[in-house]
Amino acid sequence: MKIEILADADAVARKAAAIIAEEARAAVAARGRFVMAVSGGHTPWLMLRALAGEDVPWDSVHVVQVDERVAPAGNPDRNLTHLRESLSEHAPLRPEQIHAMQVEAPDLQAAAARYALTLQEIAGSPPVLDLVHLGLGPDGHTASLVPGDPVLDVTDADVALTGVYQGRRRMTLTYPIINRSRRILWVVTGGEKVGMLVRLRDGDPSIPAGQVRQDQAVVVADRAAAGQPGPTPAP
């Protein structure tokens, strides 16, 4: 696992965007398309806005969701709301190139199965994503793979539902599809992540994030998450 420490969240977002752009160009050159999965969170929205300014072959890009809260369309809790605001309004990406988890559906199990089929249509069978962007929670969760939830044990589906976590059920990619991906990009910011970043680095399987494969992983973190002091202010 490669770990790069940068000054702050803005620098992390810019570096992550540059990594995604490079992976996109390579994937399109090799296979004609680039399929990336994006998680929620504040720093990722900065990352996606920075990505809009990068050299990306947008016509060949597909964006899928790592996870989504079960909430109404347009709700501020929805990752999709911020994904569209950050990317669609700043990059030349057509609406049909963003593939939303249908968490408003009355039958969520069927909706998860349909999303798995969508992934097969755009990324093969079984689907292999070019890049999965992940965050790291202070409790060691990643995607919506949260401590103690039965979703951690799902091995026969690429998309599954969680129990209630922080007030909402979630739809999430599972370990099988995350671990099949060609590149995993961790974006980690904030001092509350210090302990978990160490455990992620060490591949600690007792936290959900520690069960994600490391051989194709890159971590971009800020000084706060790495437990490093910032520069001393000038007198």
C-alpha atoms as a PDB file:
ATOM      1  CA  MET A   1       0.000   0.000   0.000  1.00  0.00           C
ATOM      2  CA  LYS A   2       1.425   3.349  -1.060  1.00  0.00           C
ATOM      3  CA  ILE A   3       0.728   6.238   1.336  1.00  0.00           C
ATOM      4  CA  GLU A   4       1.242   9.888   0.446  1.00  0.00           C
ATOM      5  CA  ILE A   5       0.884  12.608   3.077  1.00  0.00           C
ATOM      6  CA  LEU A   6      -0.046  16.122   1.991  1.00  0.00           C
ATOM      7  CA  ALA A   7      -0.562  19.388   3.840  1.00  0.00           C
ATOM      8  CA  ASP A   8      -4.342  19.634   4.053  1.00  0.00           C
ATOM      9  CA  ALA A   9      -7.681  18.496   2.642  1.00  0.00           C
ATOM     10  CA  ASP A  10      -7.423  20.791  -0.392  1.00  0.00           C
ATOM     11  CA  ALA A  11      -4.043  19.351  -1.339  1.00  0.00           C
ATOM     12  CA  VAL A  12      -5.383  15.828  -0.829  1.00  0.00           C
ATOM     13  CA  ALA A  13      -8.349  16.560  -3.094  1.00  0.00           C
ATOM     14  CA  ARG A  14      -6.114  17.913  -5.863  1.00  0.00           C
ATOM     15  CA  LYS A  15      -3.738  14.954  -5.660  1.00  0.00           C
ATOM     16  CA  ALA A  16      -6.589  12.456  -5.673  1.00  0.00           C
ATOM     17  CA  ALA A  17      -8.065  14.173  -8.741  1.00  0.00           C
ATOM     18  CA  ALA A  18      -4.715  13.935 -10.536  1.00  0.00           C
ATOM     19  CA  ILE A  19      -4.500  10.215  -9.736  1.00  0.00           C
ATOM     20  CA  ILE A  20      -8.018   9.599 -11.050  1.00  0.00           C
ATOM     21  CA  ALA A  21      -7.289  11.529 -14.245  1.00  0.00           C
ATOM     22  CA  GLU A  22      -4.140   9.503 -14.866  1.00  0.00           C
ATOM     23  CA  GLU A  23      -5.977   6.231 -14.255  1.00  0.00           C
ATOM     24  CA  ALA A  24      -8.781   7.357 -16.582  1.00  0.00           C
ATOM     25  CA  ARG A  25      -6.430   8.128 -19.442  1.00  0.00           C
ATOM     26  CA  ALA A  26      -4.673   4.774 -19.031  1.00  0.00           C
ATOM     27  CA  ALA A  27      -7.936   2.809 -18.828  1.00  0.00           C
ATOM     28  CA  VAL A  28      -9.424   4.449 -21.914  1.00  0.00           C
ATOM     29  CA  ALA A  29      -6.218   3.868 -23.862  1.00  0.00           C
ATOM     30  CA  ALA A  30      -6.161   0.197 -22.830  1.00  0.00           C
ATOM     31  CA  ARG A  31      -9.857  -0.759 -22.774  1.00  0.00           C
ATOM     32  CA  GLY A  32     -11.857   2.109 -24.275  1.00  0.00           C
ATOM     33  CA  ARG A  33     -13.633   3.166 -21.079  1.00  0.00           C
ATOM     34  CA  PHE A  34     -13.074   4.134 -17.457  1.00  0.00           C
ATOM     35  CA  VAL A  35     -15.457   3.040 -14.727  1.00  0.00           C
ATOM     36  CA  MET A  36     -14.953   4.577 -11.293  1.00  0.00           C
ATOM     37  CA  ALA A  37     -16.922   4.199  -8.083  1.00  0.00           C
ATOM     38  CA  VAL A  38     -17.166   7.226  -5.787  1.00  0.00           C
ATOM     39  CA  SER A  39     -17.904   7.379  -2.052  1.00  0.00           C
ATOM     40  CA  GLY A  40     -19.538  10.236  -0.165  1.00  0.00           C
ATOM     41  CA  GLY A  41     -17.962  12.832   2.099  1.00  0.00           C
ATOM     42  CA  HIS A  42     -16.800  16.457   2.038  1.00  0.00           C
ATOM     43  CA  THR A  43     -13.267  15.934   0.706  1.00  0.00           C
ATOM     44  CA  PRO A  44     -14.522  13.805  -2.213  1.00  0.00           C
ATOM     45  CA  TRP A  45     -16.681  16.688  -3.409  1.00  0.00           C
ATOM     46  CA  LEU A  46     -13.567  18.875  -3.456  1.00  0.00           C
ATOM     47  CA  MET A  47     -11.797  16.062  -5.292  1.00  0.00           C
ATOM     48  CA  LEU A  48     -14.493  15.820  -7.953  1.00  0.00           C
ATOM     49  CA  ARG A  49     -14.512  19.567  -8.541  1.00  0.00           C
ATOM     50  CA  ALA A  50     -10.743  19.430  -8.974  1.00  0.00           C
ATOM     51  CA  LEU A  51     -11.186  16.499 -11.347  1.00  0.00           C
ATOM     52  CA  ALA A  52     -13.342  18.667 -13.593  1.00  0.00           C
ATOM     53  CA  GLY A  53     -10.227  20.735 -14.329  1.00  0.00           C
ATOM     54  CA  GLU A  54      -8.038  17.738 -15.173  1.00  0.00           C
ATOM     55  CA  ASP A  55      -7.327  16.192 -18.576  1.00  0.00           C
ATOM     56  CA  VAL A  56      -9.946  13.430 -18.536  1.00  0.00           C
ATOM     57  CA  PRO A  57     -11.462  11.584 -21.552  1.00  0.00           C
ATOM     58  CA  TRP A  58     -14.957  12.380 -20.307  1.00  0.00           C
ATOM     59  CA  ASP A  59     -16.847  10.777 -23.195  1.00  0.00           C
ATOM     60  CA  SER A  60     -15.559   7.375 -22.065  1.00  0.00           C
ATOM     61  CA  VAL A  61     -16.115   7.780 -18.307  1.00  0.00           C
ATOM     62  CA  HIS A  62     -18.780   6.026 -16.228  1.00  0.00           C
ATOM     63  CA  VAL A  63     -19.322   7.004 -12.593  1.00  0.00           C
ATOM     64  CA  VAL A  64     -21.006   4.590 -10.203  1.00  0.00           C
ATOM     65  CA  GLN A  65     -21.743   4.877  -6.512  1.00  0.00           C
ATOM     66  CA  VAL A  66     -19.841   3.071  -3.786  1.00  0.00           C
ATOM     67  CA  ASP A  67     -22.753   3.544  -1.403  1.00  0.00           C
ATOM     68  CA  GLU A  68     -25.893   5.545  -0.830  1.00  0.00           C
ATOM     69  CA  ARG A  69     -28.209   6.375   2.051  1.00  0.00           C
ATOM     70  CA  VAL A  70     -31.833   5.320   1.748  1.00  0.00           C
ATOM     71  CA  ALA A  71     -33.396   8.780   1.518  1.00  0.00           C
ATOM     72  CA  PRO A  72     -35.636  10.684  -0.913  1.00  0.00           C
ATOM     73  CA  ALA A  73     -34.280  12.084  -4.175  1.00  0.00           C
ATOM     74  CA  GLY A  74     -32.564  15.430  -3.691  1.00  0.00           C
ATOM     75  CA  ASN A  75     -32.206  14.943   0.063  1.00  0.00           C
ATOM     76  CA  PRO A  76     -28.965  16.464   1.406  1.00  0.00           C
ATOM     77  CA  ASP A  77     -28.180  13.083   3.004  1.00  0.00           C
ATOM     78  CA  ARG A  78     -27.930  11.552  -0.454  1.00  0.00           C
ATOM     79  CA  ASN A  79     -24.432  11.099  -1.875  1.00  0.00           C
ATOM     80  CA  LEU A  80     -25.927  11.419  -5.359  1.00  0.00           C
ATOM     81  CA  THR A  81     -27.067  14.987  -4.661  1.00  0.00           C
ATOM     82  CA  HIS A  82     -23.509  16.115  -3.946  1.00  0.00           C
ATOM     83  CA  LEU A  83     -22.031  13.920  -6.673  1.00  0.00           C
ATOM     84  CA  ARG A  84     -24.127  15.644  -9.311  1.00  0.00           C
ATOM     85  CA  GLU A  85     -23.450  19.093  -7.865  1.00  0.00           C
ATOM     86  CA  SER A  86     -19.710  18.472  -7.798  1.00  0.00           C
ATOM     87  CA  LEU A  87     -19.269  16.704 -11.115  1.00  0.00           C
ATOM     88  CA  SER A  88     -22.186  17.230 -13.507  1.00  0.00           C
ATOM     89  CA  GLU A  89     -22.188  20.995 -13.021  1.00  0.00           C
ATOM     90  CA  HIS A  90     -18.437  21.343 -13.532  1.00  0.00           C
ATOM     91  CA  ALA A  91     -17.407  18.588 -15.971  1.00  0.00           C
ATOM     92  CA  PRO A  92     -18.693  17.694 -19.464  1.00  0.00           C
ATOM     93  CA  LEU A  93     -20.327  14.524 -18.178  1.00  0.00           C
ATOM     94  CA  ARG A  94     -23.714  13.483 -19.578  1.00  0.00           C
ATOM     95  CA  PRO A  95     -26.396  12.522 -17.023  1.00  0.00           C
ATOM     96  CA  GLU A  96     -26.487   8.944 -18.316  1.00  0.00           C
ATOM     97  CA  GLN A  97     -22.803   8.543 -17.454  1.00  0.00           C
ATOM     98  CA  ILE A  98     -23.630   8.769 -13.731  1.00  0.00           C
ATOM     99  CA  HIS A  99     -25.298   5.573 -12.564  1.00  0.00           C
ATOM    100  CA  ALA A 100     -27.384   6.130  -9.438  1.00  0.00           C
ATOM    101  CA  MET A 101     -28.309   3.560  -6.826  1.00  0.00           C
ATOM    102  CA  GLN A 102     -32.123   3.483  -6.829  1.00  0.00           C
ATOM    103  CA  VAL A 103     -32.647   3.799  -3.097  1.00  0.00           C
ATOM    104  CA  GLU A 104     -36.110   5.352  -3.534  1.00  0.00           C
ATOM    105  CA  ALA A 105     -37.407   2.023  -4.901  1.00  0.00           C
ATOM    106  CA  PRO A 106     -40.126   0.307  -2.837  1.00  0.00           C
ATOM    107  CA  ASP A 107     -38.246  -3.021  -3.064  1.00  0.00           C
ATOM    108  CA  LEU A 108     -34.684  -2.272  -1.997  1.00  0.00           C
ATOM    109  CA  GLN A 109     -33.461  -5.845  -2.391  1.00  0.00           C
ATOM    110  CA  ALA A 110     -34.603  -5.844  -6.011  1.00  0.00           C
ATOM    111  CA  ALA A 111     -33.017  -2.415  -6.516  1.00  0.00           C
ATOM    112  CA  ALA A 112     -29.678  -3.727  -5.225  1.00  0.00           C
ATOM    113  CA  ALA A 113     -29.886  -6.658  -7.645  1.00  0.00           C
ATOM    114  CA  ARG A 114     -30.660  -4.274 -10.524  1.00  0.00           C
ATOM    115  CA  TYR A 115     -27.664  -2.127  -9.636  1.00  0.00           C
ATOM    116  CA  ALA A 116     -25.459  -5.210  -9.718  1.00  0.00           C
ATOM    117  CA  LEU A 117     -26.760  -5.905 -13.241  1.00  0.00           C
ATOM    118  CA  THR A 118     -26.000  -2.297 -14.245  1.00  0.00           C
ATOM    119  CA  LEU A 119     -22.433  -2.799 -13.069  1.00  0.00           C
ATOM    120  CA  GLN A 120     -22.190  -5.939 -15.206  1.00  0.00           C
ATOM    121  CA  GLU A 121     -23.437  -4.023 -18.241  1.00  0.00           C
ATOM    122  CA  ILE A 122     -20.747  -1.361 -17.964  1.00  0.00           C
ATOM    123  CA  ALA A 123     -17.860  -3.274 -16.332  1.00  0.00           C
ATOM    124  CA  GLY A 124     -18.179  -6.890 -17.448  1.00  0.00           C
ATOM    125  CA  SER A 125     -19.283 -10.096 -15.758  1.00  0.00           C
ATOM    126  CA  PRO A 126     -18.167 -10.268 -13.060  1.00  0.00           C
ATOM    127  CA  PRO A 127     -17.742  -6.480 -13.077  1.00  0.00           C
ATOM    128  CA  VAL A 128     -14.211  -5.172 -12.654  1.00  0.00           C
ATOM    129  CA  LEU A 129     -14.122  -1.487 -11.754  1.00  0.00           C
ATOM    130  CA  ASP A 130     -11.139   0.534 -12.900  1.00  0.00           C
ATOM    131  CA  LEU A 131     -10.983   2.586  -9.709  1.00  0.00           C
ATOM    132  CA  VAL A 132     -12.832   2.549  -6.402  1.00  0.00           C
ATOM    133  CA  HIS A 133     -12.557   5.649  -4.246  1.00  0.00           C
ATOM    134  CA  LEU A 134     -12.920   4.931  -0.530  1.00  0.00           C
ATOM    135  CA  GLY A 135     -13.004   6.970   2.637  1.00  0.00           C
ATOM    136  CA  LEU A 136     -12.173   5.891   6.170  1.00  0.00           C
ATOM    137  CA  GLY A 137     -14.481   6.445   9.128  1.00  0.00           C
ATOM    138  CA  PRO A 138     -13.336   7.080  12.710  1.00  0.00           C
ATOM    139  CA  ASP A 139     -14.894   3.692  13.558  1.00  0.00           C
ATOM    140  CA  GLY A 140     -12.943   1.936  10.805  1.00  0.00           C
ATOM    141  CA  HIS A 141     -15.814   1.674   8.336  1.00  0.00           C
ATOM    142  CA  THR A 142     -15.414   2.204   4.624  1.00  0.00           C
ATOM    143  CA  ALA A 143     -18.095   2.434   1.933  1.00  0.00           C
ATOM    144  CA  SER A 144     -21.119   1.436   4.066  1.00  0.00           C
ATOM    145  CA  LEU A 145     -19.299  -1.593   5.382  1.00  0.00           C
ATOM    146  CA  VAL A 146     -19.730  -0.774   9.051  1.00  0.00           C
ATOM    147  CA  PRO A 147     -18.620  -2.624  12.174  1.00  0.00           C
ATOM    148  CA  GLY A 148     -20.953  -5.413  13.227  1.00  0.00           C
ATOM    149  CA  ASP A 149     -23.277  -5.234  10.222  1.00  0.00           C
ATOM    150  CA  PRO A 150     -24.156  -8.519   8.442  1.00  0.00           C
ATOM    151  CA  VAL A 151     -23.205  -6.858   5.136  1.00  0.00           C
ATOM    152  CA  LEU A 152     -19.560  -7.531   6.065  1.00  0.00           C
ATOM    153  CA  ASP A 153     -20.173 -11.234   5.472  1.00  0.00           C
ATOM    154  CA  VAL A 154     -21.767 -10.915   2.027  1.00  0.00           C
ATOM    155  CA  THR A 155     -19.708 -12.877  -0.496  1.00  0.00           C
ATOM    156  CA  ASP A 156     -22.327 -13.793  -3.122  1.00  0.00           C
ATOM    157  CA  ALA A 157     -23.441 -10.312  -4.230  1.00  0.00           C
ATOM    158  CA  ASP A 158     -21.669  -7.187  -5.444  1.00  0.00           C
ATOM    159  CA  VAL A 159     -24.332  -4.838  -4.045  1.00  0.00           C
ATOM    160  CA  ALA A 160     -26.143  -5.268  -0.725  1.00  0.00           C
ATOM    161  CA  LEU A 161     -28.166  -3.465   1.920  1.00  0.00           C
ATOM    162  CA  THR A 162     -27.083  -2.597   5.440  1.00  0.00           C
ATOM    163  CA  GLY A 163     -28.993  -2.179   8.647  1.00  0.00           C
ATOM    164  CA  VAL A 164     -29.559   1.275  10.092  1.00  0.00           C
ATOM    165  CA  TYR A 165     -26.321   3.230  10.584  1.00  0.00           C
ATOM    166  CA  GLN A 166     -26.345   6.836  11.767  1.00  0.00           C
ATOM    167  CA  GLY A 167     -30.093   6.981  11.213  1.00  0.00           C
ATOM    168  CA  ARG A 168     -30.238   5.531   7.698  1.00  0.00           C
ATOM    169  CA  ARG A 169     -30.094   2.192   5.957  1.00  0.00           C
ATOM    170  CA  ARG A 170     -27.561   2.103   3.116  1.00  0.00           C
ATOM    171  CA  MET A 171     -26.982   0.390  -0.196  1.00  0.00           C
ATOM    172  CA  THR A 172     -23.325  -0.436  -0.689  1.00  0.00           C
ATOM    173  CA  LEU A 173     -20.776  -2.191  -2.825  1.00  0.00           C
ATOM    174  CA  THR A 174     -19.469  -5.281  -1.043  1.00  0.00           C
ATOM    175  CA  TYR A 175     -15.983  -6.659  -0.520  1.00  0.00           C
ATOM    176  CA  PRO A 176     -16.042  -8.949  -3.606  1.00  0.00           C
ATOM    177  CA  ILE A 177     -16.427  -6.155  -6.159  1.00  0.00           C
ATOM    178  CA  ILE A 178     -14.237  -3.698  -4.225  1.00  0.00           C
ATOM    179  CA  ASN A 179     -11.451  -6.258  -4.041  1.00  0.00           C
ATOM    180  CA  ARG A 180     -11.727  -7.079  -7.769  1.00  0.00           C
ATOM    181  CA  SER A 181     -11.072  -3.481  -8.760  1.00  0.00           C
ATOM    182  CA  ARG A 182      -7.934  -2.506 -10.639  1.00  0.00           C
ATOM    183  CA  ARG A 183      -7.106   0.418  -8.341  1.00  0.00           C
ATOM    184  CA  ILE A 184      -8.277   1.439  -4.869  1.00  0.00           C
ATOM    185  CA  LEU A 185      -7.857   5.090  -3.922  1.00  0.00           C
ATOM    186  CA  TRP A 186      -8.203   5.943  -0.251  1.00  0.00           C
ATOM    187  CA  VAL A 187      -8.805   9.615   0.567  1.00  0.00           C
ATOM    188  CA  VAL A 188      -8.351  10.232   4.294  1.00  0.00           C
ATOM    189  CA  THR A 189      -8.495  13.610   6.042  1.00  0.00           C
ATOM    190  CA  GLY A 190      -8.955  14.796   9.617  1.00  0.00           C
ATOM    191  CA  GLY A 191      -7.315  14.226  12.968  1.00  0.00           C
ATOM    192  CA  GLU A 192     -10.073  11.851  14.114  1.00  0.00           C
ATOM    193  CA  LYS A 193      -8.733   9.269  11.622  1.00  0.00           C
ATOM    194  CA  VAL A 194      -5.204   8.950  13.065  1.00  0.00           C
ATOM    195  CA  GLY A 195      -5.661   5.635  14.828  1.00  0.00           C
ATOM    196  CA  MET A 196      -7.684   4.074  12.031  1.00  0.00           C
ATOM    197  CA  LEU A 197      -5.185   5.122   9.368  1.00  0.00           C
ATOM    198  CA  VAL A 198      -2.503   3.185  11.264  1.00  0.00           C
ATOM    199  CA  ARG A 199      -4.773   0.143  11.427  1.00  0.00           C
ATOM    200  CA  LEU A 200      -5.597   0.470   7.724  1.00  0.00           C
ATOM    201  CA  ARG A 201      -1.887   0.624   6.891  1.00  0.00           C
ATOM    202  CA  ASP A 202      -1.306  -2.489   8.971  1.00  0.00           C
ATOM    203  CA  GLY A 203      -4.160  -4.369   7.296  1.00  0.00           C
ATOM    204  CA  ASP A 204      -5.966  -4.895  10.610  1.00  0.00           C
ATOM    205  CA  PRO A 205      -8.846  -7.265   9.727  1.00  0.00           C
ATOM    206  CA  SER A 206     -10.755  -6.353  12.897  1.00  0.00           C
ATOM    207  CA  ILE A 207     -11.914  -3.114  11.220  1.00  0.00           C
ATOM    208  CA  PRO A 208     -13.955  -3.181   7.998  1.00  0.00           C
ATOM    209  CA  ALA A 209     -11.411  -1.059   6.111  1.00  0.00           C
ATOM    210  CA  GLY A 210      -8.665  -3.530   6.969  1.00  0.00           C
ATOM    211  CA  GLN A 211     -10.356  -6.234   4.905  1.00  0.00           C
ATOM    212  CA  VAL A 212      -9.882  -4.336   1.642  1.00  0.00           C
ATOM    213  CA  ARG A 213      -7.000  -5.615  -0.474  1.00  0.00           C
ATOM    214  CA  GLN A 214      -3.832  -3.557  -0.331  1.00  0.00           C
ATOM    215  CA  ASP A 215      -1.783  -4.565  -3.358  1.00  0.00           C
ATOM    216  CA  GLN A 216      -3.523  -2.117  -5.709  1.00  0.00           C
ATOM    217  CA  ALA A 217      -4.191   0.560  -3.094  1.00  0.00           C
ATOM    218  CA  VAL A 218      -3.006   4.149  -2.839  1.00  0.00           C
ATOM    219  CA  VAL A 219      -3.703   6.269   0.239  1.00  0.00           C
ATOM    220  CA  VAL A 220      -3.715  10.051   0.012  1.00  0.00           C
ATOM    221  CA  ALA A 221      -3.997  11.595   3.475  1.00  0.00           C
ATOM    222  CA  ASP A 222      -3.504  14.973   5.084  1.00  0.00           C
ATOM    223  CA  ARG A 223      -1.099  15.742   7.922  1.00  0.00           C
ATOM    224  CA  ALA A 224      -3.910  15.712  10.463  1.00  0.00           C
ATOM    225  CA  ALA A 225      -4.954  12.143   9.576  1.00  0.00           C
ATOM    226  CA  ALA A 226      -1.325  11.056   9.657  1.00  0.00           C
ATOM    227  CA  GLY A 227      -0.834  12.584  13.109  1.00  0.00           C
ATOM    228  CA  GLN A 228       1.789  14.976  11.819  1.00  0.00           C
ATOM    229  CA  PRO A 229       1.967  18.567  13.078  1.00  0.00           C
ATOM    230  CA  GLY A 230       1.404  21.329  10.594  1.00  0.00           C
ATOM    231  CA  PRO A 231       4.053  23.911   9.725  1.00  0.00           C
ATOM    232  CA  THR A 232       5.008  26.307  12.488  1.00  0.00           C
ATOM    233  CA  PRO A 233       3.452  29.745  11.847  1.00  0.00           C
ATOM    234  CA  ALA A 234       5.907  32.521  11.079  1.00  0.00           C
ATOM    235  CA  PRO A 235       6.560  34.849  14.027  1.00  0.00           C
END
